[in-house]
PDB file of N, CA and C in Angstrom:
ATOM      1  N   MET A   1      24.660   0.465 -15.470  1.00  0.00           N
ATOM      2  CA  MET A   1      23.259   0.623 -15.789  1.00  0.00           C
ATOM      3  C   MET A   1      23.133   1.777 -16.774  1.00  0.00           C
ATOM      4  N   SER A   2      22.374   1.549 -17.818  1.00  0.00           N
ATOM      5  CA  SER A   2      22.194   2.592 -18.823  1.00  0.00           C
ATOM      6  C   SER A   2      21.342   3.730 -18.271  1.00  0.00           C
ATOM      7  N   ARG A   3      21.425   4.831 -18.930  1.00  0.00           N
ATOM      8  CA  ARG A   3      20.649   6.001 -18.508  1.00  0.00           C
ATOM      9  C   ARG A   3      19.147   5.706 -18.591  1.00  0.00           C
ATOM     10  N   GLU A   4      18.738   5.011 -19.649  1.00  0.00           N
ATOM     11  CA  GLU A   4      17.317   4.675 -19.810  1.00  0.00           C
ATOM     12  C   GLU A   4      16.842   3.758 -18.682  1.00  0.00           C
ATOM     13  N   ALA A   5      17.651   2.769 -18.339  1.00  0.00           N
ATOM     14  CA  ALA A   5      17.291   1.854 -17.250  1.00  0.00           C
ATOM     15  C   ALA A   5      17.220   2.599 -15.920  1.00  0.00           C
ATOM     16  N   LEU A   6      18.148   3.494 -15.691  1.00  0.00           N
ATOM     17  CA  LEU A   6      18.151   4.280 -14.470  1.00  0.00           C
ATOM     18  C   LEU A   6      16.924   5.177 -14.391  1.00  0.00           C
ATOM     19  N   ASN A   7      16.588   5.832 -15.492  1.00  0.00           N
ATOM     20  CA  ASN A   7      15.400   6.681 -15.533  1.00  0.00           C
ATOM     21  C   ASN A   7      14.134   5.867 -15.278  1.00  0.00           C
ATOM     22  N   ASN A   8      14.074   4.665 -15.843  1.00  0.00           N
ATOM     23  CA  ASN A   8      12.909   3.805 -15.631  1.00  0.00           C
ATOM     24  C   ASN A   8      12.809   3.385 -14.168  1.00  0.00           C
ATOM     25  N   LYS A   9      13.933   3.074 -13.562  1.00  0.00           N
ATOM     26  CA  LYS A   9      13.958   2.675 -12.153  1.00  0.00           C
ATOM     27  C   LYS A   9      13.481   3.825 -11.265  1.00  0.00           C
ATOM     28  N   ILE A  10      13.942   5.020 -11.552  1.00  0.00           N
ATOM     29  CA  ILE A  10      13.530   6.202 -10.792  1.00  0.00           C
ATOM     30  C   ILE A  10      12.033   6.450 -10.972  1.00  0.00           C
ATOM     31  N   TYR A  11      11.555   6.321 -12.201  1.00  0.00           N
ATOM     32  CA  TYR A  11      10.133   6.527 -12.480  1.00  0.00           C
ATOM     33  C   TYR A  11       9.283   5.514 -11.724  1.00  0.00           C
ATOM     34  N   GLU A  12       9.672   4.233 -11.767  1.00  0.00           N
ATOM     35  CA  GLU A  12       8.894   3.193 -11.086  1.00  0.00           C
ATOM     36  C   GLU A  12       8.886   3.410  -9.576  1.00  0.00           C
ATOM     37  N   GLU A  13       9.986   3.888  -9.013  1.00  0.00           N
ATOM     38  CA  GLU A  13      10.037   4.187  -7.579  1.00  0.00           C
ATOM     39  C   GLU A  13       9.082   5.337  -7.249  1.00  0.00           C
ATOM     40  N   ARG A  14       9.019   6.331  -8.115  1.00  0.00           N
ATOM     41  CA  ARG A  14       8.106   7.454  -7.922  1.00  0.00           C
ATOM     42  C   ARG A  14       6.650   6.995  -7.997  1.00  0.00           C
ATOM     43  N   VAL A  15       6.350   6.115  -8.947  1.00  0.00           N
ATOM     44  CA  VAL A  15       4.993   5.581  -9.082  1.00  0.00           C
ATOM     45  C   VAL A  15       4.629   4.743  -7.860  1.00  0.00           C
ATOM     46  N   LEU A  16       5.561   3.964  -7.370  1.00  0.00           N
ATOM     47  CA  LEU A  16       5.327   3.149  -6.182  1.00  0.00           C
ATOM     48  C   LEU A  16       5.025   4.038  -4.974  1.00  0.00           C
ATOM     49  N   ASN A  17       5.794   5.088  -4.806  1.00  0.00           N
ATOM     50  CA  ASN A  17       5.551   6.021  -3.703  1.00  0.00           C
ATOM     51  C   ASN A  17       4.201   6.713  -3.846  1.00  0.00           C
ATOM     52  N   ASP A  18       3.827   7.047  -5.071  1.00  0.00           N
ATOM     53  CA  ASP A  18       2.523   7.645  -5.328  1.00  0.00           C
ATOM     54  C   ASP A  18       1.417   6.660  -4.967  1.00  0.00           C
ATOM     55  N   SER A  19       1.593   5.418  -5.334  1.00  0.00           N
ATOM     56  CA  SER A  19       0.621   4.375  -5.027  1.00  0.00           C
ATOM     57  C   SER A  19       0.436   4.228  -3.519  1.00  0.00           C
ATOM     58  N   LEU A  20       1.520   4.208  -2.787  1.00  0.00           N
ATOM     59  CA  LEU A  20       1.439   4.089  -1.331  1.00  0.00           C
ATOM     60  C   LEU A  20       0.818   5.331  -0.699  1.00  0.00           C
ATOM     61  N   ALA A  21       1.098   6.500  -1.254  1.00  0.00           N
ATOM     62  CA  ALA A  21       0.501   7.735  -0.740  1.00  0.00           C
ATOM     63  C   ALA A  21      -1.008   7.732  -0.965  1.00  0.00           C
ATOM     64  N   ARG A  22      -1.442   7.257  -2.124  1.00  0.00           N
ATOM     65  CA  ARG A  22      -2.878   7.164  -2.397  1.00  0.00           C
ATOM     66  C   ARG A  22      -3.542   6.139  -1.486  1.00  0.00           C
ATOM     67  N   LEU A  23      -2.836   5.059  -1.210  1.00  0.00           N
ATOM     68  CA  LEU A  23      -3.362   4.048  -0.291  1.00  0.00           C
ATOM     69  C   LEU A  23      -3.505   4.644   1.111  1.00  0.00           C
ATOM     70  N   ALA A  24      -2.536   5.445   1.514  1.00  0.00           N
ATOM     71  CA  ALA A  24      -2.581   6.079   2.835  1.00  0.00           C
ATOM     72  C   ALA A  24      -3.751   7.048   2.962  1.00  0.00           C
ATOM     73  N   LYS A  25      -4.176   7.659   1.859  1.00  0.00           N
ATOM     74  CA  LYS A  25      -5.331   8.553   1.896  1.00  0.00           C
ATOM     75  C   LYS A  25      -6.630   7.777   2.093  1.00  0.00           C
ATOM     76  N   ARG A  26      -6.634   6.514   1.677  1.00  0.00           N
ATOM     77  CA  ARG A  26      -7.847   5.696   1.758  1.00  0.00           C
ATOM     78  C   ARG A  26      -7.904   4.833   3.011  1.00  0.00           C
ATOM     79  N   LEU A  27      -6.750   4.506   3.544  1.00  0.00           N
ATOM     80  CA  LEU A  27      -6.665   3.645   4.721  1.00  0.00           C
ATOM     81  C   LEU A  27      -5.681   4.225   5.727  1.00  0.00           C
ATOM     82  N   ASP A  28      -5.880   3.864   6.976  1.00  0.00           N
ATOM     83  CA  ASP A  28      -4.893   4.180   7.998  1.00  0.00           C
ATOM     84  C   ASP A  28      -3.846   3.075   7.959  1.00  0.00           C
ATOM     85  N   LEU A  29      -2.691   3.357   7.380  1.00  0.00           N
ATOM     86  CA  LEU A  29      -1.666   2.337   7.190  1.00  0.00           C
ATOM     87  C   LEU A  29      -1.133   1.785   8.507  1.00  0.00           C
ATOM     88  N   LYS A  30      -1.189   2.583   9.554  1.00  0.00           N
ATOM     89  CA  LYS A  30      -0.708   2.123  10.863  1.00  0.00           C
ATOM     90  C   LYS A  30      -1.632   1.058  11.449  1.00  0.00           C
ATOM     91  N   SER A  31      -2.896   1.054  11.038  1.00  0.00           N
ATOM     92  CA  SER A  31      -3.839   0.065  11.567  1.00  0.00           C
ATOM     93  C   SER A  31      -3.740  -1.279  10.841  1.00  0.00           C
ATOM     94  N   LEU A  32      -3.012  -1.303   9.724  1.00  0.00           N
ATOM     95  CA  LEU A  32      -2.855  -2.546   8.973  1.00  0.00           C
ATOM     96  C   LEU A  32      -1.843  -3.450   9.663  1.00  0.00           C
ATOM     97  N   PRO A  33      -2.027  -4.760   9.549  1.00  0.00           N
ATOM     98  CA  PRO A  33      -1.107  -5.683  10.221  1.00  0.00           C
ATOM     99  C   PRO A  33       0.233  -5.852   9.504  1.00  0.00           C
ATOM    100  N   PHE A  34       0.419  -5.236   8.360  1.00  0.00           N
ATOM    101  CA  PHE A  34       1.622  -5.424   7.557  1.00  0.00           C
ATOM    102  C   PHE A  34       2.748  -4.505   8.016  1.00  0.00           C
ATOM    103  N   SER A  35       3.970  -4.980   7.858  1.00  0.00           N
ATOM    104  CA  SER A  35       5.124  -4.113   8.082  1.00  0.00           C
ATOM    105  C   SER A  35       5.268  -3.198   6.870  1.00  0.00           C
ATOM    106  N   ASP A  36       6.098  -2.180   6.999  1.00  0.00           N
ATOM    107  CA  ASP A  36       6.330  -1.261   5.876  1.00  0.00           C
ATOM    108  C   ASP A  36       6.916  -1.993   4.677  1.00  0.00           C
ATOM    109  N   VAL A  37       7.816  -2.927   4.940  1.00  0.00           N
ATOM    110  CA  VAL A  37       8.448  -3.686   3.863  1.00  0.00           C
ATOM    111  C   VAL A  37       7.431  -4.575   3.152  1.00  0.00           C
ATOM    112  N   GLU A  38       6.574  -5.235   3.924  1.00  0.00           N
ATOM    113  CA  GLU A  38       5.545  -6.096   3.320  1.00  0.00           C
ATOM    114  C   GLU A  38       4.590  -5.281   2.462  1.00  0.00           C
ATOM    115  N   LEU A  39       4.183  -4.131   2.960  1.00  0.00           N
ATOM    116  CA  LEU A  39       3.254  -3.279   2.210  1.00  0.00           C
ATOM    117  C   LEU A  39       3.896  -2.747   0.942  1.00  0.00           C
ATOM    118  N   LYS A  40       5.139  -2.330   1.038  1.00  0.00           N
ATOM    119  CA  LYS A  40       5.846  -1.815  -0.137  1.00  0.00           C
ATOM    120  C   LYS A  40       6.050  -2.927  -1.164  1.00  0.00           C
ATOM    121  N   THR A  41       6.397  -4.128  -0.703  1.00  0.00           N
ATOM    122  CA  THR A  41       6.580  -5.262  -1.609  1.00  0.00           C
ATOM    123  C   THR A  41       5.268  -5.627  -2.287  1.00  0.00           C
ATOM    124  N   LEU A  42       4.183  -5.621  -1.529  1.00  0.00           N
ATOM    125  CA  LEU A  42       2.876  -5.929  -2.113  1.00  0.00           C
ATOM    126  C   LEU A  42       2.505  -4.907  -3.185  1.00  0.00           C
ATOM    127  N   ALA A  43       2.713  -3.636  -2.896  1.00  0.00           N
ATOM    128  CA  ALA A  43       2.410  -2.587  -3.872  1.00  0.00           C
ATOM    129  C   ALA A  43       3.297  -2.722  -5.111  1.00  0.00           C
ATOM    130  N   LYS A  44       4.566  -3.029  -4.895  1.00  0.00           N
ATOM    131  CA  LYS A  44       5.503  -3.172  -6.011  1.00  0.00           C
ATOM    132  C   LYS A  44       5.115  -4.360  -6.885  1.00  0.00           C
ATOM    133  N   ARG A  45       4.751  -5.461  -6.277  1.00  0.00           N
ATOM    134  CA  ARG A  45       4.371  -6.641  -7.060  1.00  0.00           C
ATOM    135  C   ARG A  45       3.050  -6.437  -7.783  1.00  0.00           C
ATOM    136  N   HIS A  46       2.152  -5.667  -7.201  1.00  0.00           N
ATOM    137  CA  HIS A  46       0.916  -5.330  -7.924  1.00  0.00           C
ATOM    138  C   HIS A  46       1.249  -4.532  -9.169  1.00  0.00           C
ATOM    139  N   ARG A  47       2.124  -3.568  -9.037  1.00  0.00           N
ATOM    140  CA  ARG A  47       2.523  -2.734 -10.177  1.00  0.00           C
ATOM    141  C   ARG A  47       3.201  -3.575 -11.250  1.00  0.00           C
ATOM    142  N   GLN A  48       4.081  -4.483 -10.850  1.00  0.00           N
ATOM    143  CA  GLN A  48       4.813  -5.313 -11.801  1.00  0.00           C
ATOM    144  C   GLN A  48       3.921  -6.328 -12.499  1.00  0.00           C
ATOM    145  N   SER A  49       2.822  -6.709 -11.870  1.00  0.00           N
ATOM    146  CA  SER A  49       1.992  -7.788 -12.412  1.00  0.00           C
ATOM    147  C   SER A  49       1.156  -7.365 -13.616  1.00  0.00           C
ATOM    148  N   PHE A  50       1.098  -6.076 -13.910  1.00  0.00           N
ATOM    149  CA  PHE A  50       0.328  -5.621 -15.061  1.00  0.00           C
ATOM    150  C   PHE A  50       0.947  -6.165 -16.345  1.00  0.00           C
ATOM    151  N   GLY A  51       0.227  -7.028 -17.031  1.00  0.00           N
ATOM    152  CA  GLY A  51       0.650  -7.498 -18.346  1.00  0.00           C
ATOM    153  C   GLY A  51       1.585  -8.690 -18.366  1.00  0.00           C
ATOM    154  N   SER A  52       1.978  -9.219 -17.240  1.00  0.00           N
ATOM    155  CA  SER A  52       2.905 -10.349 -17.222  1.00  0.00           C
ATOM    156  C   SER A  52       2.300 -11.494 -16.420  1.00  0.00           C
ATOM    157  N   GLU A  53       2.049 -12.594 -17.086  1.00  0.00           N
ATOM    158  CA  GLU A  53       1.447 -13.747 -16.420  1.00  0.00           C
ATOM    159  C   GLU A  53       2.376 -14.305 -15.338  1.00  0.00           C
ATOM    160  N   LYS A  54       3.655 -14.344 -15.631  1.00  0.00           N
ATOM    161  CA  LYS A  54       4.632 -14.857 -14.663  1.00  0.00           C
ATOM    162  C   LYS A  54       4.649 -13.992 -13.401  1.00  0.00           C
ATOM    163  N   LYS A  55       4.580 -12.689 -13.587  1.00  0.00           N
ATOM    164  CA  LYS A  55       4.595 -11.782 -12.435  1.00  0.00           C
ATOM    165  C   LYS A  55       3.260 -11.810 -11.691  1.00  0.00           C
ATOM    166  N   LYS A  56       2.164 -12.107 -12.391  1.00  0.00           N
ATOM    167  CA  LYS A  56       0.875 -12.273 -11.711  1.00  0.00           C
ATOM    168  C   LYS A  56       0.923 -13.481 -10.779  1.00  0.00           C
ATOM    169  N   GLU A  57       1.552 -14.554 -11.243  1.00  0.00           N
ATOM    170  CA  GLU A  57       1.704 -15.743 -10.411  1.00  0.00           C
ATOM    171  C   GLU A  57       2.575 -15.433  -9.188  1.00  0.00           C
ATOM    172  N   ARG A  58       3.607 -14.644  -9.395  1.00  0.00           N
ATOM    173  CA  ARG A  58       4.486 -14.241  -8.296  1.00  0.00           C
ATOM    174  C   ARG A  58       3.711 -13.423  -7.263  1.00  0.00           C
ATOM    175  N   LEU A  59       2.855 -12.518  -7.740  1.00  0.00           N
ATOM    176  CA  LEU A  59       2.010 -11.721  -6.863  1.00  0.00           C
ATOM    177  C   LEU A  59       1.079 -12.630  -6.062  1.00  0.00           C
ATOM    178  N   GLU A  60       0.456 -13.583  -6.721  1.00  0.00           N
ATOM    179  CA  GLU A  60      -0.467 -14.491  -6.034  1.00  0.00           C
ATOM    180  C   GLU A  60       0.246 -15.301  -4.956  1.00  0.00           C
ATOM    181  N   ARG A  61       1.462 -15.743  -5.229  1.00  0.00           N
ATOM    182  CA  ARG A  61       2.227 -16.476  -4.215  1.00  0.00           C
ATOM    183  C   ARG A  61       2.531 -15.584  -3.018  1.00  0.00           C
ATOM    184  N   TYR A  62       2.849 -14.314  -3.276  1.00  0.00           N
ATOM    185  CA  TYR A  62       3.145 -13.393  -2.178  1.00  0.00           C
ATOM    186  C   TYR A  62       1.879 -13.098  -1.375  1.00  0.00           C
ATOM    187  N   LYS A  63       0.763 -12.924  -2.061  1.00  0.00           N
ATOM    188  CA  LYS A  63      -0.500 -12.698  -1.358  1.00  0.00           C
ATOM    189  C   LYS A  63      -0.863 -13.904  -0.495  1.00  0.00           C
ATOM    190  N   THR A  64      -0.626 -15.105  -0.994  1.00  0.00           N
ATOM    191  CA  THR A  64      -0.892 -16.319  -0.218  1.00  0.00           C
ATOM    192  C   THR A  64      -0.005 -16.352   1.018  1.00  0.00           C
ATOM    193  N   HIS A  65       1.254 -15.995   0.841  1.00  0.00           N
ATOM    194  CA  HIS A  65       2.196 -15.944   1.962  1.00  0.00           C
ATOM    195  C   HIS A  65       1.709 -14.953   3.025  1.00  0.00           C
ATOM    196  N   LEU A  66       1.322 -13.759   2.604  1.00  0.00           N
ATOM    197  CA  LEU A  66       0.843 -12.752   3.555  1.00  0.00           C
ATOM    198  C   LEU A  66      -0.459 -13.188   4.218  1.00  0.00           C
ATOM    199  N   ALA A  67      -1.326 -13.873   3.473  1.00  0.00           N
ATOM    200  CA  ALA A  67      -2.601 -14.330   4.028  1.00  0.00           C
ATOM    201  C   ALA A  67      -2.374 -15.350   5.142  1.00  0.00           C
ATOM    202  N   LYS A  68      -1.354 -16.177   5.012  1.00  0.00           N
ATOM    203  CA  LYS A  68      -1.041 -17.142   6.065  1.00  0.00           C
ATOM    204  C   LYS A  68      -0.592 -16.435   7.343  1.00  0.00           C
ATOM    205  N   ILE A  69       0.082 -15.319   7.185  1.00  0.00           N
ATOM    206  CA  ILE A  69       0.609 -14.587   8.337  1.00  0.00           C
ATOM    207  C   ILE A  69      -0.441 -13.654   8.940  1.00  0.00           C
ATOM    208  N   HIS A  70      -1.136 -12.893   8.089  1.00  0.00           N
ATOM    209  CA  HIS A  70      -1.997 -11.805   8.561  1.00  0.00           C
ATOM    210  C   HIS A  70      -3.489 -12.033   8.330  1.00  0.00           C
ATOM    211  N   GLY A  71      -3.852 -13.054   7.607  1.00  0.00           N
ATOM    212  CA  GLY A  71      -5.263 -13.311   7.328  1.00  0.00           C
ATOM    213  C   GLY A  71      -5.647 -12.886   5.925  1.00  0.00           C
ATOM    214  N   ALA A  72      -6.520 -13.673   5.336  1.00  0.00           N
ATOM    215  CA  ALA A  72      -6.915 -13.448   3.945  1.00  0.00           C
ATOM    216  C   ALA A  72      -7.697 -12.154   3.755  1.00  0.00           C
ATOM    217  N   GLU A  73      -8.513 -11.765   4.726  1.00  0.00           N
ATOM    218  CA  GLU A  73      -9.332 -10.557   4.580  1.00  0.00           C
ATOM    219  C   GLU A  73      -8.478  -9.295   4.494  1.00  0.00           C
ATOM    220  N   ALA A  74      -7.457  -9.224   5.325  1.00  0.00           N
ATOM    221  CA  ALA A  74      -6.579  -8.041   5.312  1.00  0.00           C
ATOM    222  C   ALA A  74      -5.869  -7.918   3.971  1.00  0.00           C
ATOM    223  N   VAL A  75      -5.376  -9.042   3.461  1.00  0.00           N
ATOM    224  CA  VAL A  75      -4.656  -9.031   2.183  1.00  0.00           C
ATOM    225  C   VAL A  75      -5.607  -8.690   1.040  1.00  0.00           C
ATOM    226  N   ALA A  76      -6.801  -9.274   1.046  1.00  0.00           N
ATOM    227  CA  ALA A  76      -7.764  -9.033  -0.026  1.00  0.00           C
ATOM    228  C   ALA A  76      -8.194  -7.564  -0.076  1.00  0.00           C
ATOM    229  N   GLY A  77      -8.417  -6.970   1.087  1.00  0.00           N
ATOM    230  CA  GLY A  77      -8.832  -5.567   1.127  1.00  0.00           C
ATOM    231  C   GLY A  77      -7.777  -4.627   0.564  1.00  0.00           C
ATOM    232  N   VAL A  78      -6.554  -4.810   0.993  1.00  0.00           N
ATOM    233  CA  VAL A  78      -5.468  -3.956   0.518  1.00  0.00           C
ATOM    234  C   VAL A  78      -5.198  -4.225  -0.959  1.00  0.00           C
ATOM    235  N   SER A  79      -5.254  -5.482  -1.365  1.00  0.00           N
ATOM    236  CA  SER A  79      -5.005  -5.830  -2.772  1.00  0.00           C
ATOM    237  C   SER A  79      -6.028  -5.195  -3.698  1.00  0.00           C
ATOM    238  N   SER A  80      -7.284  -5.222  -3.300  1.00  0.00           N
ATOM    239  CA  SER A  80      -8.304  -4.621  -4.166  1.00  0.00           C
ATOM    240  C   SER A  80      -8.092  -3.117  -4.300  1.00  0.00           C
ATOM    241  N   LEU A  81      -7.690  -2.470  -3.218  1.00  0.00           N
ATOM    242  CA  LEU A  81      -7.401  -1.037  -3.301  1.00  0.00           C
ATOM    243  C   LEU A  81      -6.174  -0.761  -4.173  1.00  0.00           C
ATOM    244  N   LEU A  82      -5.167  -1.610  -4.073  1.00  0.00           N
ATOM    245  CA  LEU A  82      -3.973  -1.417  -4.904  1.00  0.00           C
ATOM    246  C   LEU A  82      -4.283  -1.612  -6.380  1.00  0.00           C
ATOM    247  N   VAL A  83      -5.157  -2.552  -6.707  1.00  0.00           N
ATOM    248  CA  VAL A  83      -5.571  -2.727  -8.107  1.00  0.00           C
ATOM    249  C   VAL A  83      -6.273  -1.461  -8.595  1.00  0.00           C
ATOM    250  N   GLU A  84      -7.166  -0.939  -7.775  1.00  0.00           N
ATOM    251  CA  GLU A  84      -7.896   0.284  -8.127  1.00  0.00           C
ATOM    252  C   GLU A  84      -6.932   1.461  -8.308  1.00  0.00           C
ATOM    253  N   ILE A  85      -5.991   1.597  -7.404  1.00  0.00           N
ATOM    254  CA  ILE A  85      -5.008   2.683  -7.479  1.00  0.00           C
ATOM    255  C   ILE A  85      -4.127   2.536  -8.714  1.00  0.00           C
ATOM    256  N   ASN A  86      -3.667   1.324  -8.993  1.00  0.00           N
ATOM    257  CA  ASN A  86      -2.829   1.112 -10.178  1.00  0.00           C
ATOM    258  C   ASN A  86      -3.600   1.372 -11.459  1.00  0.00           C
ATOM    259  N   ASN A  87      -4.884   1.069 -11.471  1.00  0.00           N
ATOM    260  CA  ASN A  87      -5.708   1.395 -12.639  1.00  0.00           C
ATOM    261  C   ASN A  87      -5.795   2.910 -12.821  1.00  0.00           C
ATOM    262  N   GLU A  88      -5.957   3.634 -11.723  1.00  0.00           N
ATOM    263  CA  GLU A  88      -5.989   5.100 -11.799  1.00  0.00           C
ATOM    264  C   GLU A  88      -4.671   5.641 -12.353  1.00  0.00           C
ATOM    265  N   ILE A  89      -3.577   5.129 -11.842  1.00  0.00           N
ATOM    266  CA  ILE A  89      -2.260   5.600 -12.285  1.00  0.00           C
ATOM    267  C   ILE A  89      -2.039   5.260 -13.754  1.00  0.00           C
ATOM    268  N   SER A  90      -2.427   4.063 -14.152  1.00  0.00           N
ATOM    269  CA  SER A  90      -2.286   3.674 -15.561  1.00  0.00           C
ATOM    270  C   SER A  90      -3.114   4.573 -16.464  1.00  0.00           C
ATOM    271  N   TRP A  91      -4.285   4.914 -16.026  1.00  0.00           N
ATOM    272  CA  TRP A  91      -5.145   5.802 -16.793  1.00  0.00           C
ATOM    273  C   TRP A  91      -4.489   7.178 -16.929  1.00  0.00           C
ATOM    274  N   GLU A  92      -3.891   7.664 -15.858  1.00  0.00           N
ATOM    275  CA  GLU A  92      -3.230   8.966 -15.884  1.00  0.00           C
ATOM    276  C   GLU A  92      -1.969   8.954 -16.755  1.00  0.00           C
ATOM    277  N   GLU A  93      -1.323   7.788 -16.855  1.00  0.00           N
ATOM    278  CA  GLU A  93      -0.113   7.691 -17.673  1.00  0.00           C
ATOM    279  C   GLU A  93      -0.412   7.804 -19.155  1.00  0.00           C
ATOM    280  N   LYS A  94      -1.618   7.471 -19.544  1.00  0.00           N
ATOM    281  CA  LYS A  94      -1.976   7.493 -20.973  1.00  0.00           C
ATOM    282  C   LYS A  94      -2.182   8.856 -21.464  1.00  0.00           C
TER     283      LYS A  94
END
């Protein structure tokens, strides 16, 4: 792995952790029906979906999968907050 790719991977992991920390400030993560892995995957796919139609479709499939397991309302609430958080982070990156 090149140094640039490694740096990008580290940066994206830091942004993902920041996103989850901001989500934790807005919601009690323990009260959510999602496992830690599901929540992290959802946050990661939200971040990846910015600007890529293929990745947006992937996000929608994952949200549909989670909605079947945990209910559409829970997924929609967390998803809307993640969109808001990612917009904040994108704004700060500029």
